PDB file of N, CA and C in Angstrom:
ATOM      1  N   MET A   1     165.883 111.133  48.412  1.00  0.00           N
ATOM      2  CA  MET A   1     165.812 112.406  47.904  1.00  0.00           C
ATOM      3  C   MET A   1     167.083 113.188  48.568  1.00  0.00           C
ATOM      4  N   ALA A   2     167.563 114.521  47.645  1.00  0.00           N
ATOM      5  CA  ALA A   2     168.936 114.982  47.936  1.00  0.00           C
ATOM      6  C   ALA A   2     168.505 116.068  49.450  1.00  0.00           C
ATOM      7  N   ALA A   3     169.323 116.086  50.093  1.00  0.00           N
ATOM      8  CA  ALA A   3     169.364 116.751  51.337  1.00  0.00           C
ATOM      9  C   ALA A   3     169.442 118.475  50.830  1.00  0.00           C
ATOM     10  N   ARG A   4     168.760 119.324  51.303  1.00  0.00           N
ATOM     11  CA  ARG A   4     168.523 120.537  51.008  1.00  0.00           C
ATOM     12  C   ARG A   4     170.009 121.317  51.525  1.00  0.00           C
ATOM     13  N   LYS A   5     170.530 122.302  50.749  1.00  0.00           N
ATOM     14  CA  LYS A   5     171.877 123.006  51.338  1.00  0.00           C
ATOM     15  C   LYS A   5     171.478 123.633  52.328  1.00  0.00           C
ATOM     16  N   LEU A   6     172.084 124.095  53.336  1.00  0.00           N
ATOM     17  CA  LEU A   6     171.976 124.742  54.453  1.00  0.00           C
ATOM     18  C   LEU A   6     173.526 125.785  54.712  1.00  0.00           C
ATOM     19  N   TYR A   7     173.277 127.019  55.049  1.00  0.00           N
ATOM     20  CA  TYR A   7     174.739 128.023  54.793  1.00  0.00           C
ATOM     21  C   TYR A   7     174.728 128.432  56.300  1.00  0.00           C
ATOM     22  N   ARG A   8     176.071 128.638  56.874  1.00  0.00           N
ATOM     23  CA  ARG A   8     176.659 129.329  58.095  1.00  0.00           C
ATOM     24  C   ARG A   8     176.781 130.525  57.394  1.00  0.00           C
ATOM     25  N   VAL A   9     175.904 131.775  57.852  1.00  0.00           N
ATOM     26  CA  VAL A   9     176.783 133.093  57.769  1.00  0.00           C
ATOM     27  C   VAL A   9     177.149 133.777  58.600  1.00  0.00           C
ATOM     28  N   ILE A  10     178.176 134.227  58.928  1.00  0.00           N
ATOM     29  CA  ILE A  10     179.007 135.308  59.765  1.00  0.00           C
ATOM     30  C   ILE A  10     179.350 136.209  59.195  1.00  0.00           C
ATOM     31  N   PHE A  11     178.479 137.168  59.796  1.00  0.00           N
ATOM     32  CA  PHE A  11     179.078 138.687  59.405  1.00  0.00           C
ATOM     33  C   PHE A  11     178.833 139.802  60.532  1.00  0.00           C
ATOM     34  N   VAL A  12     179.458 140.849  60.233  1.00  0.00           N
ATOM     35  CA  VAL A  12     179.650 142.406  61.249  1.00  0.00           C
ATOM     36  C   VAL A  12     178.610 142.793  61.018  1.00  0.00           C
ATOM     37  N   ASN A  13     177.864 143.417  61.721  1.00  0.00           N
ATOM     38  CA  ASN A  13     176.746 144.325  61.642  1.00  0.00           C
ATOM     39  C   ASN A  13     176.729 145.189  63.090  1.00  0.00           C
ATOM     40  N   GLN A  14     176.620 146.722  62.713  1.00  0.00           N
ATOM     41  CA  GLN A  14     176.676 147.756  63.903  1.00  0.00           C
ATOM     42  C   GLN A  14     177.478 147.255  65.095  1.00  0.00           C
ATOM     43  N   GLY A  15     178.442 146.775  64.756  1.00  0.00           N
ATOM     44  CA  GLY A  15     179.787 146.538  65.859  1.00  0.00           C
ATOM     45  C   GLY A  15     179.602 145.073  66.669  1.00  0.00           C
ATOM     46  N   LYS A  16     178.745 144.101  65.903  1.00  0.00           N
ATOM     47  CA  LYS A  16     178.259 143.089  66.459  1.00  0.00           C
ATOM     48  C   LYS A  16     178.797 142.110  65.808  1.00  0.00           C
ATOM     49  N   ILE A  17     178.692 140.781  65.713  1.00  0.00           N
ATOM     50  CA  ILE A  17     178.986 139.536  65.031  1.00  0.00           C
ATOM     51  C   ILE A  17     177.790 138.973  64.659  1.00  0.00           C
ATOM     52  N   TYR A  18     177.216 138.650  63.904  1.00  0.00           N
ATOM     53  CA  TYR A  18     176.125 137.795  63.775  1.00  0.00           C
ATOM     54  C   TYR A  18     176.357 136.709  63.119  1.00  0.00           C
ATOM     55  N   GLU A  19     175.555 135.473  63.506  1.00  0.00           N
ATOM     56  CA  GLU A  19     175.866 134.108  62.970  1.00  0.00           C
ATOM     57  C   GLU A  19     174.332 133.625  62.715  1.00  0.00           C
ATOM     58  N   ILE A  20     174.020 133.396  61.648  1.00  0.00           N
ATOM     59  CA  ILE A  20     172.672 133.266  60.993  1.00  0.00           C
ATOM     60  C   ILE A  20     172.808 131.784  59.836  1.00  0.00           C
ATOM     61  N   TYR A  21     171.565 131.117  59.739  1.00  0.00           N
ATOM     62  CA  TYR A  21     171.484 129.933  59.112  1.00  0.00           C
ATOM     63  C   TYR A  21     170.648 130.476  58.013  1.00  0.00           C
ATOM     64  N   ALA A  22     170.877 129.786  56.645  1.00  0.00           N
ATOM     65  CA  ALA A  22     170.119 130.531  55.398  1.00  0.00           C
ATOM     66  C   ALA A  22     170.098 129.096  54.449  1.00  0.00           C
ATOM     67  N   ARG A  23     169.086 128.711  53.530  1.00  0.00           N
ATOM     68  CA  ARG A  23     168.980 128.186  52.630  1.00  0.00           C
ATOM     69  C   ARG A  23     169.789 128.369  50.978  1.00  0.00           C
ATOM     70  N   LYS A  24     169.838 129.726  51.059  1.00  0.00           N
ATOM     71  CA  LYS A  24     170.415 130.390  50.002  1.00  0.00           C
ATOM     72  C   LYS A  24     171.084 131.199  49.987  1.00  0.00           C
ATOM     73  N   VAL A  25     172.427 131.296  49.559  1.00  0.00           N
ATOM     74  CA  VAL A  25     173.472 132.193  49.379  1.00  0.00           C
ATOM     75  C   VAL A  25     173.907 132.863  48.186  1.00  0.00           C
ATOM     76  N   GLU A  26     174.258 133.659  47.923  1.00  0.00           N
ATOM     77  CA  GLU A  26     174.310 134.232  46.254  1.00  0.00           C
ATOM     78  C   GLU A  26     174.942 135.611  46.084  1.00  0.00           C
ATOM     79  N   GLN A  27     175.719 135.671  45.321  1.00  0.00           N
ATOM     80  CA  GLN A  27     176.284 136.939  44.630  1.00  0.00           C
ATOM     81  C   GLN A  27     175.234 137.623  43.900  1.00  0.00           C
ATOM     82  N   ASP A  28     174.914 139.098  44.231  1.00  0.00           N
ATOM     83  CA  ASP A  28     173.717 139.568  43.718  1.00  0.00           C
ATOM     84  C   ASP A  28     174.124 140.712  42.881  1.00  0.00           C
ATOM     85  N   LYS A  29     173.174 140.793  41.987  1.00  0.00           N
ATOM     86  CA  LYS A  29     173.447 141.750  41.132  1.00  0.00           C
ATOM     87  C   LYS A  29     173.667 143.041  41.464  1.00  0.00           C
ATOM     88  N   LEU A  30     173.187 143.381  42.747  1.00  0.00           N
ATOM     89  CA  LEU A  30     173.529 144.823  43.555  1.00  0.00           C
ATOM     90  C   LEU A  30     174.947 144.744  43.830  1.00  0.00           C
ATOM     91  N   TYR A  31     175.775 145.349  43.249  1.00  0.00           N
ATOM     92  CA  TYR A  31     177.002 145.117  43.095  1.00  0.00           C
ATOM     93  C   TYR A  31     177.601 145.541  44.841  1.00  0.00           C
ATOM     94  N   GLY A  32     178.534 144.539  45.404  1.00  0.00           N
ATOM     95  CA  GLY A  32     178.631 144.706  46.496  1.00  0.00           C
ATOM     96  C   GLY A  32     178.257 143.787  47.572  1.00  0.00           C
ATOM     97  N   PHE A  33     177.112 143.056  47.510  1.00  0.00           N
ATOM     98  CA  PHE A  33     176.339 142.596  48.089  1.00  0.00           C
ATOM     99  C   PHE A  33     176.091 141.032  47.990  1.00  0.00           C
ATOM    100  N   VAL A  34     175.914 140.216  49.171  1.00  0.00           N
ATOM    101  CA  VAL A  34     175.380 139.152  49.267  1.00  0.00           C
ATOM    102  C   VAL A  34     174.386 139.000  49.533  1.00  0.00           C
ATOM    103  N   GLU A  35     173.361 138.265  48.704  1.00  0.00           N
ATOM    104  CA  GLU A  35     172.050 137.928  49.043  1.00  0.00           C
ATOM    105  C   GLU A  35     171.793 136.463  49.662  1.00  0.00           C
ATOM    106  N   VAL A  36     171.094 136.920  50.699  1.00  0.00           N
ATOM    107  CA  VAL A  36     171.036 135.755  51.638  1.00  0.00           C
ATOM    108  C   VAL A  36     169.291 135.550  51.936  1.00  0.00           C
ATOM    109  N   SER A  37     168.567 134.385  51.579  1.00  0.00           N
ATOM    110  CA  SER A  37     167.494 133.910  51.956  1.00  0.00           C
ATOM    111  C   SER A  37     166.925 132.893  52.327  1.00  0.00           C
ATOM    112  N   GLY A  38     166.071 132.474  52.484  1.00  0.00           N
ATOM    113  CA  GLY A  38     165.645 131.257  53.331  1.00  0.00           C
ATOM    114  C   GLY A  38     166.203 131.154  54.642  1.00  0.00           C
ATOM    115  N   LEU A  39     166.042 132.205  55.410  1.00  0.00           N
ATOM    116  CA  LEU A  39     166.383 132.233  56.695  1.00  0.00           C
ATOM    117  C   LEU A  39     165.746 130.997  57.608  1.00  0.00           C
ATOM    118  N   THR A  40     166.720 130.242  58.295  1.00  0.00           N
ATOM    119  CA  THR A  40     166.133 129.270  59.178  1.00  0.00           C
ATOM    120  C   THR A  40     166.662 129.549  60.514  1.00  0.00           C
ATOM    121  N   PHE A  41     165.738 129.223  61.248  1.00  0.00           N
ATOM    122  CA  PHE A  41     166.172 129.281  62.902  1.00  0.00           C
ATOM    123  C   PHE A  41     165.638 128.090  63.504  1.00  0.00           C
ATOM    124  N   GLY A  42     166.186 127.969  65.009  1.00  0.00           N
ATOM    125  CA  GLY A  42     165.941 126.334  65.574  1.00  0.00           C
ATOM    126  C   GLY A  42     164.186 126.518  66.020  1.00  0.00           C
ATOM    127  N   GLN A  43     163.860 125.148  66.056  1.00  0.00           N
ATOM    128  CA  GLN A  43     162.669 125.042  66.297  1.00  0.00           C
ATOM    129  C   GLN A  43     162.331 125.129  68.011  1.00  0.00           C
ATOM    130  N   HIS A  44     161.009 125.326  68.284  1.00  0.00           N
ATOM    131  CA  HIS A  44     160.756 125.587  69.519  1.00  0.00           C
ATOM    132  C   HIS A  44     159.901 124.248  70.106  1.00  0.00           C
ATOM    133  N   THR A  45     161.050 123.276  70.000  1.00  0.00           N
ATOM    134  CA  THR A  45     160.737 121.947  70.397  1.00  0.00           C
ATOM    135  C   THR A  45     161.076 121.531  71.860  1.00  0.00           C
ATOM    136  N   GLU A  46     161.968 122.763  71.975  1.00  0.00           N
ATOM    137  CA  GLU A  46     162.636 122.618  73.500  1.00  0.00           C
ATOM    138  C   GLU A  46     162.069 123.279  74.555  1.00  0.00           C
ATOM    139  N   VAL A  47     162.083 123.318  75.855  1.00  0.00           N
ATOM    140  CA  VAL A  47     161.605 123.800  76.797  1.00  0.00           C
ATOM    141  C   VAL A  47     162.400 125.192  76.863  1.00  0.00           C
ATOM    142  N   VAL A  48     164.029 124.887  76.972  1.00  0.00           N
ATOM    143  CA  VAL A  48     164.574 126.099  77.038  1.00  0.00           C
ATOM    144  C   VAL A  48     164.737 126.902  75.646  1.00  0.00           C
ATOM    145  N   VAL A  49     164.585 128.207  76.067  1.00  0.00           N
ATOM    146  CA  VAL A  49     164.607 129.025  74.818  1.00  0.00           C
ATOM    147  C   VAL A  49     165.989 130.066  74.829  1.00  0.00           C
ATOM    148  N   ASP A  50     166.733 130.096  73.788  1.00  0.00           N
ATOM    149  CA  ASP A  50     167.910 131.213  73.650  1.00  0.00           C
ATOM    150  C   ASP A  50     167.444 132.404  73.090  1.00  0.00           C
ATOM    151  N   PRO A  51     167.720 133.210  74.427  1.00  0.00           N
ATOM    152  CA  PRO A  51     167.452 134.452  74.056  1.00  0.00           C
ATOM    153  C   PRO A  51     167.957 135.496  72.856  1.00  0.00           C
ATOM    154  N   ALA A  52     169.149 134.868  72.622  1.00  0.00           N
ATOM    155  CA  ALA A  52     170.100 135.201  71.509  1.00  0.00           C
ATOM    156  C   ALA A  52     169.493 134.861  69.981  1.00  0.00           C
ATOM    157  N   GLU A  53     168.984 133.719  69.972  1.00  0.00           N
ATOM    158  CA  GLU A  53     168.258 133.545  68.899  1.00  0.00           C
ATOM    159  C   GLU A  53     167.037 133.802  68.586  1.00  0.00           C
ATOM    160  N   GLU A  54     166.117 134.219  69.914  1.00  0.00           N
ATOM    161  CA  GLU A  54     164.834 134.738  69.853  1.00  0.00           C
ATOM    162  C   GLU A  54     164.809 136.280  69.413  1.00  0.00           C
ATOM    163  N   ARG A  55     165.878 136.886  69.510  1.00  0.00           N
ATOM    164  CA  ARG A  55     166.407 138.322  69.475  1.00  0.00           C
ATOM    165  C   ARG A  55     166.468 138.176  67.989  1.00  0.00           C
ATOM    166  N   LEU A  56     167.330 137.416  67.374  1.00  0.00           N
ATOM    167  CA  LEU A  56     167.672 137.367  65.705  1.00  0.00           C
ATOM    168  C   LEU A  56     166.131 136.996  65.032  1.00  0.00           C
ATOM    169  N   ARG A  57     165.604 135.951  65.471  1.00  0.00           N
ATOM    170  CA  ARG A  57     164.105 135.752  64.951  1.00  0.00           C
ATOM    171  C   ARG A  57     163.237 136.892  64.379  1.00  0.00           C
ATOM    172  N   SER A  58     163.362 137.652  65.865  1.00  0.00           N
ATOM    173  CA  SER A  58     162.276 138.608  65.695  1.00  0.00           C
ATOM    174  C   SER A  58     162.909 139.747  64.900  1.00  0.00           C
ATOM    175  N   GLU A  59     164.356 140.152  64.740  1.00  0.00           N
ATOM    176  CA  GLU A  59     164.552 140.891  63.941  1.00  0.00           C
ATOM    177  C   GLU A  59     164.274 140.889  62.362  1.00  0.00           C
ATOM    178  N   PHE A  60     164.637 139.810  62.200  1.00  0.00           N
ATOM    179  CA  PHE A  60     164.445 138.924  60.854  1.00  0.00           C
ATOM    180  C   PHE A  60     163.040 138.390  60.574  1.00  0.00           C
ATOM    181  N   GLU A  61     162.133 138.608  61.392  1.00  0.00           N
ATOM    182  CA  GLU A  61     160.558 138.325  61.159  1.00  0.00           C
ATOM    183  C   GLU A  61     160.088 139.115  60.077  1.00  0.00           C
ATOM    184  N   GLY A  62     159.562 138.128  58.982  1.00  0.00           N
ATOM    185  CA  GLY A  62     158.651 138.674  57.774  1.00  0.00           C
ATOM    186  C   GLY A  62     159.940 138.888  56.540  1.00  0.00           C
ATOM    187  N   VAL A  63     161.279 138.697  56.754  1.00  0.00           N
ATOM    188  CA  VAL A  63     162.004 139.040  55.875  1.00  0.00           C
ATOM    189  C   VAL A  63     162.652 137.839  55.270  1.00  0.00           C
ATOM    190  N   GLU A  64     162.407 138.111  53.682  1.00  0.00           N
ATOM    191  CA  GLU A  64     162.297 137.120  52.565  1.00  0.00           C
ATOM    192  C   GLU A  64     163.857 136.881  52.135  1.00  0.00           C
ATOM    193  N   SER A  65     164.281 138.402  51.890  1.00  0.00           N
ATOM    194  CA  SER A  65     165.803 138.403  51.396  1.00  0.00           C
ATOM    195  C   SER A  65     166.629 139.291  52.515  1.00  0.00           C
ATOM    196  N   THR A  66     167.822 139.081  52.659  1.00  0.00           N
ATOM    197  CA  THR A  66     168.394 140.173  53.343  1.00  0.00           C
ATOM    198  C   THR A  66     169.726 140.314  52.355  1.00  0.00           C
ATOM    199  N   TRP A  67     170.217 141.790  52.221  1.00  0.00           N
ATOM    200  CA  TRP A  67     171.519 141.984  51.583  1.00  0.00           C
ATOM    201  C   TRP A  67     172.634 142.379  52.506  1.00  0.00           C
ATOM    202  N   ILE A  68     173.584 141.346  52.145  1.00  0.00           N
ATOM    203  CA  ILE A  68     174.825 142.095  53.394  1.00  0.00           C
ATOM    204  C   ILE A  68     175.860 142.214  52.245  1.00  0.00           C
ATOM    205  N   PRO A  69     176.482 143.746  52.763  1.00  0.00           N
ATOM    206  CA  PRO A  69     177.417 144.270  52.316  1.00  0.00           C
ATOM    207  C   PRO A  69     178.759 143.054  52.294  1.00  0.00           C
ATOM    208  N   MET A  70     179.530 142.936  51.173  1.00  0.00           N
ATOM    209  CA  MET A  70     180.731 141.832  51.068  1.00  0.00           C
ATOM    210  C   MET A  70     181.427 142.321  51.988  1.00  0.00           C
ATOM    211  N   HIS A  71     181.819 143.473  52.438  1.00  0.00           N
ATOM    212  CA  HIS A  71     183.074 143.339  53.105  1.00  0.00           C
ATOM    213  C   HIS A  71     182.644 143.513  54.684  1.00  0.00           C
ATOM    214  N   ALA A  72     181.087 143.308  55.130  1.00  0.00           N
ATOM    215  CA  ALA A  72     181.043 142.803  56.350  1.00  0.00           C
ATOM    216  C   ALA A  72     180.840 141.582  56.541  1.00  0.00           C
ATOM    217  N   VAL A  73     180.974 140.690  55.535  1.00  0.00           N
ATOM    218  CA  VAL A  73     180.919 139.223  55.552  1.00  0.00           C
ATOM    219  C   VAL A  73     182.261 138.661  56.141  1.00  0.00           C
ATOM    220  N   ILE A  74     182.301 137.726  57.280  1.00  0.00           N
ATOM    221  CA  ILE A  74     183.356 137.450  57.709  1.00  0.00           C
ATOM    222  C   ILE A  74     183.647 135.908  57.256  1.00  0.00           C
ATOM    223  N   ARG A  75     182.834 135.193  56.931  1.00  0.00           N
ATOM    224  CA  ARG A  75     182.849 133.553  56.766  1.00  0.00           C
ATOM    225  C   ARG A  75     181.247 133.261  56.201  1.00  0.00           C
ATOM    226  N   ILE A  76     181.402 132.420  55.296  1.00  0.00           N
ATOM    227  CA  ILE A  76     180.026 131.591  54.730  1.00  0.00           C
ATOM    228  C   ILE A  76     180.415 129.960  54.573  1.00  0.00           C
ATOM    229  N   ASP A  77     180.112 128.959  55.354  1.00  0.00           N
ATOM    230  CA  ASP A  77     180.211 127.486  55.279  1.00  0.00           C
ATOM    231  C   ASP A  77     178.997 127.362  54.714  1.00  0.00           C
ATOM    232  N   GLN A  78     179.105 126.094  53.868  1.00  0.00           N
ATOM    233  CA  GLN A  78     177.997 124.969  54.035  1.00  0.00           C
ATOM    234  C   GLN A  78     178.090 124.008  54.897  1.00  0.00           C
ATOM    235  N   VAL A  79     176.833 123.729  55.733  1.00  0.00           N
ATOM    236  CA  VAL A  79     177.073 122.755  56.749  1.00  0.00           C
ATOM    237  C   VAL A  79     176.162 121.685  56.614  1.00  0.00           C
ATOM    238  N   ASP A  80     176.595 120.960  57.414  1.00  0.00           N
ATOM    239  CA  ASP A  80     175.171 119.473  57.428  1.00  0.00           C
ATOM    240  C   ASP A  80     174.414 119.792  58.486  1.00  0.00           C
ATOM    241  N   LYS A  81     174.462 120.528  59.497  1.00  0.00           N
ATOM    242  CA  LYS A  81     173.524 120.320  60.565  1.00  0.00           C
ATOM    243  C   LYS A  81     173.587 121.997  61.170  1.00  0.00           C
ATOM    244  N   GLN A  82     172.398 122.551  61.265  1.00  0.00           N
ATOM    245  CA  GLN A  82     172.205 124.023  61.714  1.00  0.00           C
ATOM    246  C   GLN A  82     172.448 124.058  63.122  1.00  0.00           C
ATOM    247  N   GLY A  83     173.065 125.097  63.421  1.00  0.00           N
ATOM    248  CA  GLY A  83     173.715 125.214  65.284  1.00  0.00           C
ATOM    249  C   GLY A  83     172.768 126.337  65.665  1.00  0.00           C
ATOM    250  N   SER A  84     172.879 127.051  66.653  1.00  0.00           N
ATOM    251  CA  SER A  84     172.045 127.859  67.031  1.00  0.00           C
ATOM    252  C   SER A  84     172.406 129.300  66.350  1.00  0.00           C
ATOM    253  N   SER A  85     171.995 130.125  65.868  1.00  0.00           N
ATOM    254  CA  SER A  85     172.183 131.264  65.263  1.00  0.00           C
ATOM    255  C   SER A  85     172.215 132.447  66.581  1.00  0.00           C
ATOM    256  N   LYS A  86     173.192 133.131  66.337  1.00  0.00           N
ATOM    257  CA  LYS A  86     173.531 134.035  67.669  1.00  0.00           C
ATOM    258  C   LYS A  86     174.265 135.439  67.148  1.00  0.00           C
ATOM    259  N   ILE A  87     174.225 136.376  68.425  1.00  0.00           N
ATOM    260  CA  ILE A  87     174.693 137.754  68.212  1.00  0.00           C
ATOM    261  C   ILE A  87     175.932 137.526  69.266  1.00  0.00           C
ATOM    262  N   THR A  88     177.327 137.929  68.928  1.00  0.00           N
ATOM    263  CA  THR A  88     178.280 138.209  69.566  1.00  0.00           C
ATOM    264  C   THR A  88     179.070 139.447  69.552  1.00  0.00           C
ATOM    265  N   SER A  89     179.544 139.969  70.774  1.00  0.00           N
ATOM    266  CA  SER A  89     180.220 141.203  70.820  1.00  0.00           C
ATOM    267  C   SER A  89     181.806 141.215  70.202  1.00  0.00           C
ATOM    268  N   VAL A  90     181.770 142.005  68.983  1.00  0.00           N
ATOM    269  CA  VAL A  90     183.398 142.036  68.705  1.00  0.00           C
ATOM    270  C   VAL A  90     184.329 142.341  69.759  1.00  0.00           C
ATOM    271  N   GLU A  91     184.180 142.993  70.773  1.00  0.00           N
ATOM    272  CA  GLU A  91     184.972 143.014  72.152  1.00  0.00           C
ATOM    273  C   GLU A  91     185.375 141.609  72.486  1.00  0.00           C
ATOM    274  N   GLY A  92     184.542 140.769  72.680  1.00  0.00           N
ATOM    275  CA  GLY A  92     184.652 139.586  73.285  1.00  0.00           C
ATOM    276  C   GLY A  92     185.069 138.611  72.717  1.00  0.00           C
ATOM    277  N   SER A  93     184.971 138.724  71.390  1.00  0.00           N
ATOM    278  CA  SER A  93     185.314 137.629  70.568  1.00  0.00           C
ATOM    279  C   SER A  93     187.147 137.756  70.154  1.00  0.00           C
ATOM    280  N   ALA A  94     187.312 136.854  69.098  1.00  0.00           N
ATOM    281  CA  ALA A  94     188.900 136.661  68.468  1.00  0.00           C
ATOM    282  C   ALA A  94     188.821 137.936  67.975  1.00  0.00           C
ATOM    283  N   SER A  95     190.342 138.451  67.457  1.00  0.00           N
ATOM    284  CA  SER A  95     190.163 139.461  66.490  1.00  0.00           C
ATOM    285  C   SER A  95     189.735 139.594  65.397  1.00  0.00           C
ATOM    286  N   VAL A  96     189.152 140.527  65.085  1.00  0.00           N
ATOM    287  CA  VAL A  96     187.956 140.753  63.697  1.00  0.00           C
ATOM    288  C   VAL A  96     188.277 142.019  63.576  1.00  0.00           C
ATOM    289  N   THR A  97     189.179 142.325  62.112  1.00  0.00           N
ATOM    290  CA  THR A  97     189.279 143.767  61.776  1.00  0.00           C
ATOM    291  C   THR A  97     188.213 144.031  60.463  1.00  0.00           C
ATOM    292  N   PRO A  98     188.024 144.898  60.574  1.00  0.00           N
ATOM    293  CA  PRO A  98     186.893 145.043  59.380  1.00  0.00           C
ATOM    294  C   PRO A  98     187.589 145.532  57.913  1.00  0.00           C
ATOM    295  N   PHE A  99     187.047 144.952  57.305  1.00  0.00           N
ATOM    296  CA  PHE A  99     187.671 145.217  55.877  1.00  0.00           C
ATOM    297  C   PHE A  99     187.696 146.739  55.479  1.00  0.00           C
ATOM    298  N   PRO A 100     188.636 147.458  55.031  1.00  0.00           N
ATOM    299  CA  PRO A 100     188.410 149.106  54.753  1.00  0.00           C
ATOM    300  C   PRO A 100     187.433 149.325  53.931  1.00  0.00           C
ATOM    301  N   GLY A 101     186.734 150.287  54.565  1.00  0.00           N
ATOM    302  CA  GLY A 101     185.238 150.663  53.965  1.00  0.00           C
ATOM    303  C   GLY A 101     185.369 151.608  52.629  1.00  0.00           C
ATOM    304  N   ASN A 102     186.545 151.958  52.350  1.00  0.00           N
ATOM    305  CA  ASN A 102     186.603 152.973  51.146  1.00  0.00           C
ATOM    306  C   ASN A 102     187.412 152.334  50.264  1.00  0.00           C
ATOM    307  N   TYR A 103     186.800 151.616  48.908  1.00  0.00           N
ATOM    308  CA  TYR A 103     187.348 151.308  47.951  1.00  0.00           C
ATOM    309  C   TYR A 103     187.147 152.247  46.803  1.00  0.00           C
ATOM    310  N   TYR A 104     188.329 152.108  46.414  1.00  0.00           N
ATOM    311  CA  TYR A 104     188.563 153.176  45.147  1.00  0.00           C
ATOM    312  C   TYR A 104     189.059 152.629  43.886  1.00  0.00           C
ATOM    313  N   GLY A 105     188.932 150.970  43.700  1.00  0.00           N
ATOM    314  CA  GLY A 105     189.067 150.635  42.308  1.00  0.00           C
ATOM    315  C   GLY A 105     190.376 150.802  41.867  1.00  0.00           C
ATOM    316  N   PRO A 106     190.604 150.472  40.185  1.00  0.00           N
ATOM    317  CA  PRO A 106     191.539 150.605  39.716  1.00  0.00           C
ATOM    318  C   PRO A 106     192.250 152.171  39.808  1.00  0.00           C
ATOM    319  N   GLY A 107     193.540 152.412  39.989  1.00  0.00           N
ATOM    320  CA  GLY A 107     194.193 153.443  39.946  1.00  0.00           C
ATOM    321  C   GLY A 107     193.980 154.176  41.367  1.00  0.00           C
ATOM    322  N   GLY A 108     193.156 153.896  41.922  1.00  0.00           N
ATOM    323  CA  GLY A 108     193.108 154.136  43.490  1.00  0.00           C
ATOM    324  C   GLY A 108     192.658 155.611  43.798  1.00  0.00           C
ATOM    325  N   ASP A 109     192.108 156.194  42.673  1.00  0.00           N
ATOM    326  CA  ASP A 109     191.659 157.668  43.014  1.00  0.00           C
ATOM    327  C   ASP A 109     190.090 157.865  42.975  1.00  0.00           C
ATOM    328  N   GLY A 110     189.431 156.748  43.145  1.00  0.00           N
ATOM    329  CA  GLY A 110     188.143 157.053  43.249  1.00  0.00           C
ATOM    330  C   GLY A 110     187.193 157.497  41.823  1.00  0.00           C
ATOM    331  N   GLY A 111     187.703 157.071  40.705  1.00  0.00           N
ATOM    332  CA  GLY A 111     187.503 157.391  39.731  1.00  0.00           C
ATOM    333  C   GLY A 111     187.488 159.017  39.215  1.00  0.00           C
ATOM    334  N   LYS A 112     188.383 159.720  40.200  1.00  0.00           N
ATOM    335  CA  LYS A 112     188.506 161.296  39.937  1.00  0.00           C
ATOM    336  C   LYS A 112     189.433 161.268  38.829  1.00  0.00           C
ATOM    337  N   ARG A 113     189.520 161.907  37.811  1.00  0.00           N
ATOM    338  CA  ARG A 113     190.882 161.866  36.762  1.00  0.00           C
ATOM    339  C   ARG A 113     190.525 163.223  36.489  1.00  0.00           C
ATOM    340  N   GLY A 114     191.730 163.806  36.471  1.00  0.00           N
ATOM    341  CA  GLY A 114     192.198 165.268  36.419  1.00  0.00           C
ATOM    342  C   GLY A 114     192.402 166.005  35.279  1.00  0.00           C
TER     343      GLY A 114
END
């Protein structure tokens, strides 16, 4: 039986870097967004509980799919094994420069034709 695909998605949300794992990642019909579904979290087989992963688990509890703006995505990797989902501070990590938020398309005038 073929192994199910697993993706690590790293993105910026409200000044923090989120790292989550999902079974399905695709470009959505909603322009400018990536659809992430089948979120997976570590099993409760260990005695030690990771508070960051528990916070993510509760934040995404009941979520079937989430849509992440493309400009917030830092990286998407297909991985063999699941690591620990986590939230880290942008200040304490490597330099991350957000993609410019105002995209104006061809012509650079935001569709304003005079």
